[in-house]
Amino acid sequence: MNEELIEKVKQMIIDSLRIEDMSPAEIDSDAPLFGEGLGLDSIDALQLVVSMEKEFGVVVPDAATGSKVFVSVRSMAAYIGEQRQ
C-alpha cells in the first residue's frame, strides 16, 4: 500500500470535511470512518465522494461500492490506487 496516497487521503478527509482540530497523523488508517472511528455520517460520505472525484478523478458509482470503499482510510486509498491504474 502506498503510504503517500494514504497521507493524501487523510489530508483530503480533513480538508473536505473541515476537521480543523485533527492532523493526518492522528487519523488511524485502519479505523472505521463511520460509527466509532471518525464518526462520520451519510452527509460526510457524499462530501468524500465529491472530493475523491475532484482530487483523484475516481468515481464511486453506487452505494454498494461506497460501503466497501469508505470502511477506512486504507480501503479508500486501495480503491483510489486500483481505479487509477
Foldseek 3Di string as FASTA:
>chain_A
DDVVLLQVLLVLLCVQVVVPPDHSVRQDQQAFCDDPGVNDDPVSLVSSQVSCCVPLVDHQPDVVSSVQCRGGSNSVSVRSVVVVD
